[in-house]
Amino acid sequence: MYYNGIYHEFYQYNPNGSVWGNIVWGHSVSTDLINWIPLEAAIERDTPSDINGCWTGSATILPGNRLVIIYTGADPEKRQVQNIVVPKNLSDPYLREWTKAGNNPVIQPVGPGLNSGQFRDPTTGWIGPDGLWRIAVGAELNGDSAALLYKSKDFLNWTRVDHPLYSSNSSSMWECPDFFAVLPGNSGGLDLSAAIPNAAKHVLKMSLDSCDKYMIGVYDLKSDTFIPDTVLDDRRLWSRIDYGNFYASKSFFDSKKGRRIIWGWTNETDSSSDDVAKGWAGIH
């Protein structure tokens, strides 16, 4: 994200080694997206709602330049729940410390057909015509993949909408969904926290099959659903963000240059023993 002149990158990080496990949120900052300063972990797994891991989430800038992050935590039963953190000290340009909301988890995996172990990766929020915030959460619903839709007035108390933003029976789970607007014929980005032009299209991105795929369509404000321009039952035919080794990407609006940037993860072909020897694993 870009906030008050600083780029922040948050990422899945194991502070105890270079293999997967003990996941917290790593944090690095930059002024140019090239040179980065690593900081202490931003979100630790130290409360019941994230004791078994702090997984993927998203940042949203609220009115008044207020910043909030919503992320997935694994609770003592290893259910996947959604939690909120806010900066502890806004006068710190690097935002080194974060405070967890007292009512975490703010969203729990409740409802018929919802798999509590496949319910994660909330998106950046956007405002609907009713003035309420919305987010989507990747889920397995009745055996199908779904981007579940939630509404909130204050970003702390959430209500699930009775239908998904979009769902498909061609797969069982979407990781790291992303939902954002683009303007045809314009290379600039659009800020989800601002009004979206009527001519805009929307992109629904999801991570599955070891790659990132996407659909382009319209966001129907009346039905609160995403309607793809083209529906393909075979997910192998869905468009890909990148044909290389690229997964679990997340986009953000760069207000400094008026563009949208997609940031992804590449997993090397090194063995676990190689990762341990070199002391790190995974690149962005």
C-alpha atoms as a PDB file:
ATOM      1  CA  MET A   1       0.000   0.000   0.000  1.00  0.00           C
ATOM      2  CA  TYR A   2       0.983   3.671  -0.335  1.00  0.00           C
ATOM      3  CA  TYR A   3       0.319   5.841   2.705  1.00  0.00           C
ATOM      4  CA  ASN A   4       1.599   9.329   3.548  1.00  0.00           C
ATOM      5  CA  GLY A   5       4.559   9.163   1.173  1.00  0.00           C
ATOM      6  CA  ILE A   6       5.696   5.644   2.091  1.00  0.00           C
ATOM      7  CA  TYR A   7       5.162   2.334   0.322  1.00  0.00           C
ATOM      8  CA  HIS A   8       4.465  -0.549   2.685  1.00  0.00           C
ATOM      9  CA  GLU A   9       4.812  -4.187   1.752  1.00  0.00           C
ATOM     10  CA  PHE A  10       3.342  -6.796   4.076  1.00  0.00           C
ATOM     11  CA  TYR A  11       4.033 -10.465   3.453  1.00  0.00           C
ATOM     12  CA  GLN A  12       3.718 -13.950   4.924  1.00  0.00           C
ATOM     13  CA  TYR A  13       6.789 -14.508   7.074  1.00  0.00           C
ATOM     14  CA  ASN A  14       8.175 -17.248   9.301  1.00  0.00           C
ATOM     15  CA  PRO A  15      10.417 -15.535  11.885  1.00  0.00           C
ATOM     16  CA  ASN A  16      11.825 -18.894  12.968  1.00  0.00           C
ATOM     17  CA  GLY A  17      13.162 -20.201   9.679  1.00  0.00           C
ATOM     18  CA  SER A  18      13.055 -20.310   5.890  1.00  0.00           C
ATOM     19  CA  VAL A  19      10.381 -23.003   5.596  1.00  0.00           C
ATOM     20  CA  TRP A  20       6.617 -22.517   5.811  1.00  0.00           C
ATOM     21  CA  GLY A  21       5.122 -22.287   9.314  1.00  0.00           C
ATOM     22  CA  ASN A  22       4.594 -19.963  12.303  1.00  0.00           C
ATOM     23  CA  ILE A  23       3.195 -17.386   9.904  1.00  0.00           C
ATOM     24  CA  VAL A  24       3.155 -13.700  10.900  1.00  0.00           C
ATOM     25  CA  TRP A  25       3.035 -10.500   8.837  1.00  0.00           C
ATOM     26  CA  GLY A  26       6.458  -9.304   7.757  1.00  0.00           C
ATOM     27  CA  HIS A  27       6.770  -5.597   6.977  1.00  0.00           C
ATOM     28  CA  SER A  28       9.129  -3.564   4.792  1.00  0.00           C
ATOM     29  CA  VAL A  29       8.959   0.070   3.672  1.00  0.00           C
ATOM     30  CA  SER A  30      10.221   2.035   0.679  1.00  0.00           C
ATOM     31  CA  THR A  31       9.990   5.448  -0.961  1.00  0.00           C
ATOM     32  CA  ASP A  32      10.580   4.192  -4.513  1.00  0.00           C
ATOM     33  CA  LEU A  33       9.475   0.503  -4.670  1.00  0.00           C
ATOM     34  CA  ILE A  34      13.105  -0.442  -5.386  1.00  0.00           C
ATOM     35  CA  ASN A  35      15.015   0.046  -2.148  1.00  0.00           C
ATOM     36  CA  TRP A  36      13.384  -1.495   0.904  1.00  0.00           C
ATOM     37  CA  ILE A  37      13.946  -1.284   4.660  1.00  0.00           C
ATOM     38  CA  PRO A  38      12.895  -4.420   6.582  1.00  0.00           C
ATOM     39  CA  LEU A  39      11.122  -3.793   9.885  1.00  0.00           C
ATOM     40  CA  GLU A  40       9.906  -5.932  12.755  1.00  0.00           C
ATOM     41  CA  ALA A  41       6.826  -8.064  12.110  1.00  0.00           C
ATOM     42  CA  ALA A  42       3.660  -5.966  11.885  1.00  0.00           C
ATOM     43  CA  ILE A  43       1.146  -8.602  13.028  1.00  0.00           C
ATOM     44  CA  GLU A  44       2.105 -11.393  15.425  1.00  0.00           C
ATOM     45  CA  ARG A  45       0.100 -14.526  16.212  1.00  0.00           C
ATOM     46  CA  ASP A  46      -0.470 -13.663  19.853  1.00  0.00           C
ATOM     47  CA  THR A  47      -4.253 -13.666  20.394  1.00  0.00           C
ATOM     48  CA  PRO A  48      -6.854 -16.468  20.303  1.00  0.00           C
ATOM     49  CA  SER A  49      -8.170 -15.302  16.934  1.00  0.00           C
ATOM     50  CA  ASP A  50      -4.787 -15.723  15.217  1.00  0.00           C
ATOM     51  CA  ILE A  51      -2.817 -18.063  17.492  1.00  0.00           C
ATOM     52  CA  ASN A  52      -2.374 -20.612  14.693  1.00  0.00           C
ATOM     53  CA  GLY A  53      -1.294 -18.124  12.042  1.00  0.00           C
ATOM     54  CA  CYS A  54      -1.731 -14.612  10.656  1.00  0.00           C
ATOM     55  CA  TRP A  55      -2.598 -15.147   7.019  1.00  0.00           C
ATOM     56  CA  THR A  56      -3.340 -12.968   4.029  1.00  0.00           C
ATOM     57  CA  GLY A  57      -5.441  -9.802   4.158  1.00  0.00           C
ATOM     58  CA  SER A  58      -5.745  -6.279   2.777  1.00  0.00           C
ATOM     59  CA  ALA A  59      -5.403  -2.626   3.741  1.00  0.00           C
ATOM     60  CA  THR A  60      -8.101  -0.003   3.233  1.00  0.00           C
ATOM     61  CA  ILE A  61      -7.799   3.767   3.655  1.00  0.00           C
ATOM     62  CA  LEU A  62     -10.983   5.115   5.237  1.00  0.00           C
ATOM     63  CA  PRO A  63     -12.274   8.718   5.132  1.00  0.00           C
ATOM     64  CA  GLY A  64     -10.092  11.069   7.141  1.00  0.00           C
ATOM     65  CA  ASN A  65      -6.977   9.206   5.984  1.00  0.00           C
ATOM     66  CA  ARG A  66      -7.655   6.487   8.570  1.00  0.00           C
ATOM     67  CA  LEU A  67      -5.956   3.195   7.859  1.00  0.00           C
ATOM     68  CA  VAL A  68      -7.203  -0.299   8.661  1.00  0.00           C
ATOM     69  CA  ILE A  69      -6.026  -3.813   7.821  1.00  0.00           C
ATOM     70  CA  ILE A  70      -8.303  -6.848   7.801  1.00  0.00           C
ATOM     71  CA  TYR A  71      -6.587 -10.230   7.748  1.00  0.00           C
ATOM     72  CA  THR A  72      -7.259 -13.925   8.245  1.00  0.00           C
ATOM     73  CA  GLY A  73      -6.258 -15.613  11.473  1.00  0.00           C
ATOM     74  CA  ALA A  74      -6.441 -19.261  12.478  1.00  0.00           C
ATOM     75  CA  ASP A  75      -8.045 -19.709  15.900  1.00  0.00           C
ATOM     76  CA  PRO A  76      -7.384 -22.506  18.457  1.00  0.00           C
ATOM     77  CA  GLU A  77      -9.729 -24.847  16.536  1.00  0.00           C
ATOM     78  CA  LYS A  78      -7.924 -23.831  13.325  1.00  0.00           C
ATOM     79  CA  ARG A  79     -11.042 -22.160  12.007  1.00  0.00           C
ATOM     80  CA  GLN A  80     -10.238 -19.301   9.667  1.00  0.00           C
ATOM     81  CA  VAL A  81     -11.571 -15.985  10.985  1.00  0.00           C
ATOM     82  CA  GLN A  82     -11.152 -12.352   9.953  1.00  0.00           C
ATOM     83  CA  ASN A  83      -9.458  -9.798  12.213  1.00  0.00           C
ATOM     84  CA  ILE A  84      -8.813  -6.048  12.267  1.00  0.00           C
ATOM     85  CA  VAL A  85      -5.666  -4.077  13.147  1.00  0.00           C
ATOM     86  CA  VAL A  86      -5.036  -0.320  13.049  1.00  0.00           C
ATOM     87  CA  PRO A  87      -1.802   1.687  13.361  1.00  0.00           C
ATOM     88  CA  LYS A  88      -0.798   2.362  16.957  1.00  0.00           C
ATOM     89  CA  ASN A  89       0.995   5.617  16.177  1.00  0.00           C
ATOM     90  CA  LEU A  90       0.139   7.552  13.014  1.00  0.00           C
ATOM     91  CA  SER A  91       2.993   9.981  13.684  1.00  0.00           C
ATOM     92  CA  ASP A  92       5.426   7.145  12.922  1.00  0.00           C
ATOM     93  CA  PRO A  93       5.902   7.309   9.119  1.00  0.00           C
ATOM     94  CA  TYR A  94       6.879   3.630   9.038  1.00  0.00           C
ATOM     95  CA  LEU A  95       3.810   2.463  11.013  1.00  0.00           C
ATOM     96  CA  ARG A  96       5.911  -0.014  12.954  1.00  0.00           C
ATOM     97  CA  GLU A  97       3.302  -0.956  15.561  1.00  0.00           C
ATOM     98  CA  TRP A  98      -0.295  -2.110  15.117  1.00  0.00           C
ATOM     99  CA  THR A  99      -3.179  -2.537  17.544  1.00  0.00           C
ATOM    100  CA  LYS A 100      -5.695  -5.359  17.240  1.00  0.00           C
ATOM    101  CA  ALA A 101      -9.405  -4.580  17.516  1.00  0.00           C
ATOM    102  CA  GLY A 102     -11.032  -5.510  20.796  1.00  0.00           C
ATOM    103  CA  ASN A 103     -13.892  -7.289  19.035  1.00  0.00           C
ATOM    104  CA  ASN A 104     -11.715  -9.626  16.958  1.00  0.00           C
ATOM    105  CA  PRO A 105     -12.590 -11.800  15.187  1.00  0.00           C
ATOM    106  CA  VAL A 106     -14.886  -9.424  13.335  1.00  0.00           C
ATOM    107  CA  ILE A 107     -16.045 -12.122  10.891  1.00  0.00           C
ATOM    108  CA  GLN A 108     -16.449 -15.815  11.673  1.00  0.00           C
ATOM    109  CA  PRO A 109     -17.155 -18.754   9.320  1.00  0.00           C
ATOM    110  CA  VAL A 110     -20.818 -19.218  10.166  1.00  0.00           C
ATOM    111  CA  GLY A 111     -23.630 -20.281   7.880  1.00  0.00           C
ATOM    112  CA  PRO A 112     -24.812 -23.449   6.129  1.00  0.00           C
ATOM    113  CA  GLY A 113     -22.405 -24.995   3.651  1.00  0.00           C
ATOM    114  CA  LEU A 114     -19.432 -22.826   4.632  1.00  0.00           C
ATOM    115  CA  ASN A 115     -16.158 -24.686   5.198  1.00  0.00           C
ATOM    116  CA  SER A 116     -14.487 -23.104   8.251  1.00  0.00           C
ATOM    117  CA  GLY A 117     -11.080 -24.291   7.041  1.00  0.00           C
ATOM    118  CA  GLN A 118     -11.490 -22.641   3.631  1.00  0.00           C
ATOM    119  CA  PHE A 119     -12.469 -19.084   4.492  1.00  0.00           C
ATOM    120  CA  ARG A 120      -9.729 -16.514   4.064  1.00  0.00           C
ATOM    121  CA  ASP A 121      -7.949 -13.609   2.379  1.00  0.00           C
ATOM    122  CA  PRO A 122     -10.324 -10.610   2.687  1.00  0.00           C
ATOM    123  CA  THR A 123     -10.067  -7.937   0.000  1.00  0.00           C
ATOM    124  CA  THR A 124      -9.591  -4.197   0.179  1.00  0.00           C
ATOM    125  CA  GLY A 125     -12.884  -2.505   0.989  1.00  0.00           C
ATOM    126  CA  TRP A 126     -15.062  -0.464  -1.344  1.00  0.00           C
ATOM    127  CA  ILE A 127     -18.159   1.670  -0.753  1.00  0.00           C
ATOM    128  CA  GLY A 128     -21.517   0.782  -2.298  1.00  0.00           C
ATOM    129  CA  PRO A 129     -24.302   3.189  -3.316  1.00  0.00           C
ATOM    130  CA  ASP A 130     -25.886   2.732   0.133  1.00  0.00           C
ATOM    131  CA  GLY A 131     -22.780   4.195   1.780  1.00  0.00           C
ATOM    132  CA  LEU A 132     -21.776   0.890   3.366  1.00  0.00           C
ATOM    133  CA  TRP A 133     -18.347  -0.668   3.096  1.00  0.00           C
ATOM    134  CA  ARG A 134     -17.979  -4.003   1.362  1.00  0.00           C
ATOM    135  CA  ILE A 135     -15.304  -6.673   1.265  1.00  0.00           C
ATOM    136  CA  ALA A 136     -15.094 -10.097  -0.336  1.00  0.00           C
ATOM    137  CA  VAL A 137     -13.633 -13.182   1.349  1.00  0.00           C
ATOM    138  CA  GLY A 138     -12.467 -16.300  -0.480  1.00  0.00           C
ATOM    139  CA  ALA A 139     -14.418 -19.370   0.604  1.00  0.00           C
ATOM    140  CA  GLU A 140     -15.602 -22.871  -0.132  1.00  0.00           C
ATOM    141  CA  LEU A 141     -19.398 -22.774  -0.084  1.00  0.00           C
ATOM    142  CA  ASN A 142     -21.330 -26.008  -0.612  1.00  0.00           C
ATOM    143  CA  GLY A 143     -18.299 -27.433  -2.381  1.00  0.00           C
ATOM    144  CA  ASP A 144     -18.006 -24.496  -4.805  1.00  0.00           C
ATOM    145  CA  SER A 145     -15.554 -21.603  -4.889  1.00  0.00           C
ATOM    146  CA  ALA A 146     -17.027 -18.271  -3.833  1.00  0.00           C
ATOM    147  CA  ALA A 147     -16.137 -14.678  -3.109  1.00  0.00           C
ATOM    148  CA  LEU A 148     -18.452 -14.070  -0.154  1.00  0.00           C
ATOM    149  CA  LEU A 149     -19.719 -10.521   0.267  1.00  0.00           C
ATOM    150  CA  TYR A 150     -19.838  -8.660   3.602  1.00  0.00           C
ATOM    151  CA  LYS A 151     -21.137  -5.178   4.490  1.00  0.00           C
ATOM    152  CA  SER A 152     -20.252  -2.772   7.284  1.00  0.00           C
ATOM    153  CA  LYS A 153     -20.926   0.809   8.323  1.00  0.00           C
ATOM    154  CA  ASP A 154     -17.794   1.196  10.442  1.00  0.00           C
ATOM    155  CA  PHE A 155     -15.416  -1.533   9.182  1.00  0.00           C
ATOM    156  CA  LEU A 156     -15.668  -3.243  12.593  1.00  0.00           C
ATOM    157  CA  ASN A 157     -19.115  -4.848  12.569  1.00  0.00           C
ATOM    158  CA  TRP A 158     -19.826  -6.955   9.512  1.00  0.00           C
ATOM    159  CA  THR A 159     -22.916  -8.639   8.078  1.00  0.00           C
ATOM    160  CA  ARG A 160     -22.775 -11.300   5.406  1.00  0.00           C
ATOM    161  CA  VAL A 161     -24.881 -10.612   2.322  1.00  0.00           C
ATOM    162  CA  ASP A 162     -27.224 -13.475   1.451  1.00  0.00           C
ATOM    163  CA  HIS A 163     -25.483 -14.112  -1.867  1.00  0.00           C
ATOM    164  CA  PRO A 164     -21.824 -14.210  -2.972  1.00  0.00           C
ATOM    165  CA  LEU A 165     -20.234 -11.462  -4.995  1.00  0.00           C
ATOM    166  CA  TYR A 166     -19.530 -14.303  -7.428  1.00  0.00           C
ATOM    167  CA  SER A 167     -19.246 -18.088  -7.237  1.00  0.00           C
ATOM    168  CA  SER A 168     -18.335 -20.959  -9.541  1.00  0.00           C
ATOM    169  CA  ASN A 169     -18.764 -24.729  -9.459  1.00  0.00           C
ATOM    170  CA  SER A 170     -15.675 -25.212 -11.618  1.00  0.00           C
ATOM    171  CA  SER A 171     -13.403 -25.169  -8.546  1.00  0.00           C
ATOM    172  CA  SER A 172     -13.755 -25.592  -4.791  1.00  0.00           C
ATOM    173  CA  MET A 173     -11.754 -22.687  -3.331  1.00  0.00           C
ATOM    174  CA  TRP A 174     -10.298 -19.347  -4.404  1.00  0.00           C
ATOM    175  CA  GLU A 175      -7.329 -17.994  -2.502  1.00  0.00           C
ATOM    176  CA  CYS A 176      -6.358 -14.326  -2.368  1.00  0.00           C
ATOM    177  CA  PRO A 177      -9.346 -12.844  -4.240  1.00  0.00           C
ATOM    178  CA  ASP A 178      -8.947  -9.285  -5.469  1.00  0.00           C
ATOM    179  CA  PHE A 179     -11.676  -6.992  -6.786  1.00  0.00           C
ATOM    180  CA  PHE A 180     -10.985  -3.633  -8.388  1.00  0.00           C
ATOM    181  CA  ALA A 181     -12.182  -1.248 -11.089  1.00  0.00           C
ATOM    182  CA  VAL A 182     -10.492  -0.340 -14.361  1.00  0.00           C
ATOM    183  CA  LEU A 183     -11.428   2.265 -16.954  1.00  0.00           C
ATOM    184  CA  PRO A 184     -11.309   1.026 -20.577  1.00  0.00           C
ATOM    185  CA  GLY A 185      -8.950   3.084 -22.711  1.00  0.00           C
ATOM    186  CA  ASN A 186      -7.228   4.568 -19.672  1.00  0.00           C
ATOM    187  CA  SER A 187      -3.938   3.235 -18.324  1.00  0.00           C
ATOM    188  CA  GLY A 188      -4.383   4.953 -14.959  1.00  0.00           C
ATOM    189  CA  GLY A 189      -5.645   3.246 -11.828  1.00  0.00           C
ATOM    190  CA  LEU A 190      -8.872   3.819  -9.914  1.00  0.00           C
ATOM    191  CA  ASP A 191      -9.116   4.298  -6.161  1.00  0.00           C
ATOM    192  CA  LEU A 192     -11.709   1.991  -4.589  1.00  0.00           C
ATOM    193  CA  SER A 193     -12.195   4.458  -1.733  1.00  0.00           C
ATOM    194  CA  ALA A 194     -13.448   7.100  -4.199  1.00  0.00           C
ATOM    195  CA  ALA A 195     -16.373   7.250  -6.605  1.00  0.00           C
ATOM    196  CA  ILE A 196     -15.981   4.855  -9.542  1.00  0.00           C
ATOM    197  CA  PRO A 197     -16.891   6.200 -13.030  1.00  0.00           C
ATOM    198  CA  ASN A 198     -20.002   4.692 -14.610  1.00  0.00           C
ATOM    199  CA  ALA A 199     -17.986   3.529 -17.619  1.00  0.00           C
ATOM    200  CA  ALA A 200     -15.632   1.453 -15.482  1.00  0.00           C
ATOM    201  CA  LYS A 201     -15.317  -2.298 -15.716  1.00  0.00           C
ATOM    202  CA  HIS A 202     -14.403  -4.519 -12.783  1.00  0.00           C
ATOM    203  CA  VAL A 203     -11.812  -7.241 -12.415  1.00  0.00           C
ATOM    204  CA  LEU A 204     -12.250 -10.261 -10.151  1.00  0.00           C
ATOM    205  CA  LYS A 205      -8.909 -11.991  -9.585  1.00  0.00           C
ATOM    206  CA  MET A 206      -8.393 -15.277  -7.784  1.00  0.00           C
ATOM    207  CA  SER A 207      -5.494 -17.624  -7.023  1.00  0.00           C
ATOM    208  CA  LEU A 208      -5.907 -21.310  -7.876  1.00  0.00           C
ATOM    209  CA  ASP A 209      -4.158 -24.088  -9.778  1.00  0.00           C
ATOM    210  CA  SER A 210      -0.756 -22.583  -8.826  1.00  0.00           C
ATOM    211  CA  CYS A 211      -1.442 -19.404 -10.816  1.00  0.00           C
ATOM    212  CA  ASP A 212      -3.458 -16.192 -10.686  1.00  0.00           C
ATOM    213  CA  LYS A 213      -6.505 -15.920 -12.929  1.00  0.00           C
ATOM    214  CA  TYR A 214      -9.046 -13.196 -13.536  1.00  0.00           C
ATOM    215  CA  MET A 215     -12.352 -12.255 -15.119  1.00  0.00           C
ATOM    216  CA  ILE A 216     -13.435  -8.891 -16.487  1.00  0.00           C
ATOM    217  CA  GLY A 217     -17.047  -7.815 -16.165  1.00  0.00           C
ATOM    218  CA  VAL A 218     -19.411  -5.379 -14.505  1.00  0.00           C
ATOM    219  CA  TYR A 219     -20.307  -4.807 -10.894  1.00  0.00           C
ATOM    220  CA  ASP A 220     -24.107  -4.717 -10.810  1.00  0.00           C
ATOM    221  CA  LEU A 221     -24.950  -2.229  -8.062  1.00  0.00           C
ATOM    222  CA  LYS A 222     -28.601  -3.274  -7.818  1.00  0.00           C
ATOM    223  CA  SER A 223     -27.889  -6.952  -7.256  1.00  0.00           C
ATOM    224  CA  ASP A 224     -24.511  -6.420  -5.549  1.00  0.00           C
ATOM    225  CA  THR A 225     -22.936  -9.058  -7.770  1.00  0.00           C
ATOM    226  CA  PHE A 226     -20.094  -9.332 -10.249  1.00  0.00           C
ATOM    227  CA  ILE A 227     -21.221 -10.341 -13.749  1.00  0.00           C
ATOM    228  CA  PRO A 228     -18.398 -11.542 -16.039  1.00  0.00           C
ATOM    229  CA  ASP A 229     -18.428 -10.466 -19.658  1.00  0.00           C
ATOM    230  CA  THR A 230     -17.732 -14.085 -20.586  1.00  0.00           C
ATOM    231  CA  VAL A 231     -18.546 -17.159 -18.495  1.00  0.00           C
ATOM    232  CA  LEU A 232     -16.258 -20.130 -19.089  1.00  0.00           C
ATOM    233  CA  ASP A 233     -17.124 -23.374 -17.309  1.00  0.00           C
ATOM    234  CA  ASP A 234     -13.616 -24.740 -17.813  1.00  0.00           C
ATOM    235  CA  ARG A 235     -11.344 -22.835 -15.427  1.00  0.00           C
ATOM    236  CA  ARG A 236      -8.317 -23.807 -17.505  1.00  0.00           C
ATOM    237  CA  LEU A 237      -9.571 -21.274 -20.054  1.00  0.00           C
ATOM    238  CA  TRP A 238      -9.776 -18.371 -17.605  1.00  0.00           C
ATOM    239  CA  SER A 239      -7.372 -15.507 -18.284  1.00  0.00           C
ATOM    240  CA  ARG A 240      -4.117 -15.463 -16.338  1.00  0.00           C
ATOM    241  CA  ILE A 241      -2.421 -12.462 -14.739  1.00  0.00           C
ATOM    242  CA  ASP A 242       0.993 -13.871 -15.645  1.00  0.00           C
ATOM    243  CA  TYR A 243       2.127 -17.034 -17.414  1.00  0.00           C
ATOM    244  CA  GLY A 244       5.233 -17.350 -15.276  1.00  0.00           C
ATOM    245  CA  ASN A 245       5.629 -18.467 -11.677  1.00  0.00           C
ATOM    246  CA  PHE A 246       3.296 -15.913 -10.082  1.00  0.00           C
ATOM    247  CA  TYR A 247       0.808 -16.542  -7.270  1.00  0.00           C
ATOM    248  CA  ALA A 248      -1.183 -15.002  -4.403  1.00  0.00           C
ATOM    249  CA  SER A 249      -0.961 -11.512  -5.882  1.00  0.00           C
ATOM    250  CA  LYS A 250      -2.483  -8.409  -4.383  1.00  0.00           C
ATOM    251  CA  SER A 251      -3.121  -5.065  -6.075  1.00  0.00           C
ATOM    252  CA  PHE A 252      -3.126  -1.606  -4.540  1.00  0.00           C
ATOM    253  CA  PHE A 253      -3.841   1.905  -5.773  1.00  0.00           C
ATOM    254  CA  ASP A 254      -0.671   3.997  -5.931  1.00  0.00           C
ATOM    255  CA  SER A 255      -2.008   7.498  -5.305  1.00  0.00           C
ATOM    256  CA  LYS A 256       1.478   8.956  -5.839  1.00  0.00           C
ATOM    257  CA  LYS A 257       1.363   8.141  -9.546  1.00  0.00           C
ATOM    258  CA  GLY A 258      -2.323   7.401 -10.089  1.00  0.00           C
ATOM    259  CA  ARG A 259      -1.809   3.770 -11.031  1.00  0.00           C
ATOM    260  CA  ARG A 260      -2.750   0.305  -9.813  1.00  0.00           C
ATOM    261  CA  ILE A 261       0.104  -2.066  -9.042  1.00  0.00           C
ATOM    262  CA  ILE A 262      -0.206  -5.842  -8.738  1.00  0.00           C
ATOM    263  CA  TRP A 263       2.330  -7.428  -6.420  1.00  0.00           C
ATOM    264  CA  GLY A 264       2.820 -11.205  -6.497  1.00  0.00           C
ATOM    265  CA  TRP A 265       4.804 -14.040  -4.977  1.00  0.00           C
ATOM    266  CA  THR A 266       7.209 -16.369  -6.795  1.00  0.00           C
ATOM    267  CA  ASN A 267       8.152 -19.698  -5.265  1.00  0.00           C
ATOM    268  CA  GLU A 268      11.578 -20.948  -6.352  1.00  0.00           C
ATOM    269  CA  THR A 269      12.322 -24.518  -7.389  1.00  0.00           C
ATOM    270  CA  ASP A 270      14.906 -24.876  -4.608  1.00  0.00           C
ATOM    271  CA  SER A 271      14.486 -27.745  -2.176  1.00  0.00           C
ATOM    272  CA  SER A 272      13.664 -27.138   1.484  1.00  0.00           C
ATOM    273  CA  SER A 273      17.247 -27.974   2.400  1.00  0.00           C
ATOM    274  CA  ASP A 274      18.469 -25.356  -0.090  1.00  0.00           C
ATOM    275  CA  ASP A 275      16.106 -22.797   1.449  1.00  0.00           C
ATOM    276  CA  VAL A 276      17.435 -23.567   4.917  1.00  0.00           C
ATOM    277  CA  ALA A 277      21.027 -23.244   3.695  1.00  0.00           C
ATOM    278  CA  LYS A 278      20.487 -19.853   2.048  1.00  0.00           C
ATOM    279  CA  GLY A 279      18.291 -18.603   4.911  1.00  0.00           C
ATOM    280  CA  TRP A 280      15.283 -17.406   2.926  1.00  0.00           C
ATOM    281  CA  ALA A 281      12.524 -18.634   0.599  1.00  0.00           C
ATOM    282  CA  GLY A 282      10.143 -16.900  -1.796  1.00  0.00           C
ATOM    283  CA  ILE A 283      10.539 -13.652  -3.734  1.00  0.00           C
ATOM    284  CA  HIS A 284       8.178 -10.816  -4.646  1.00  0.00           C
END
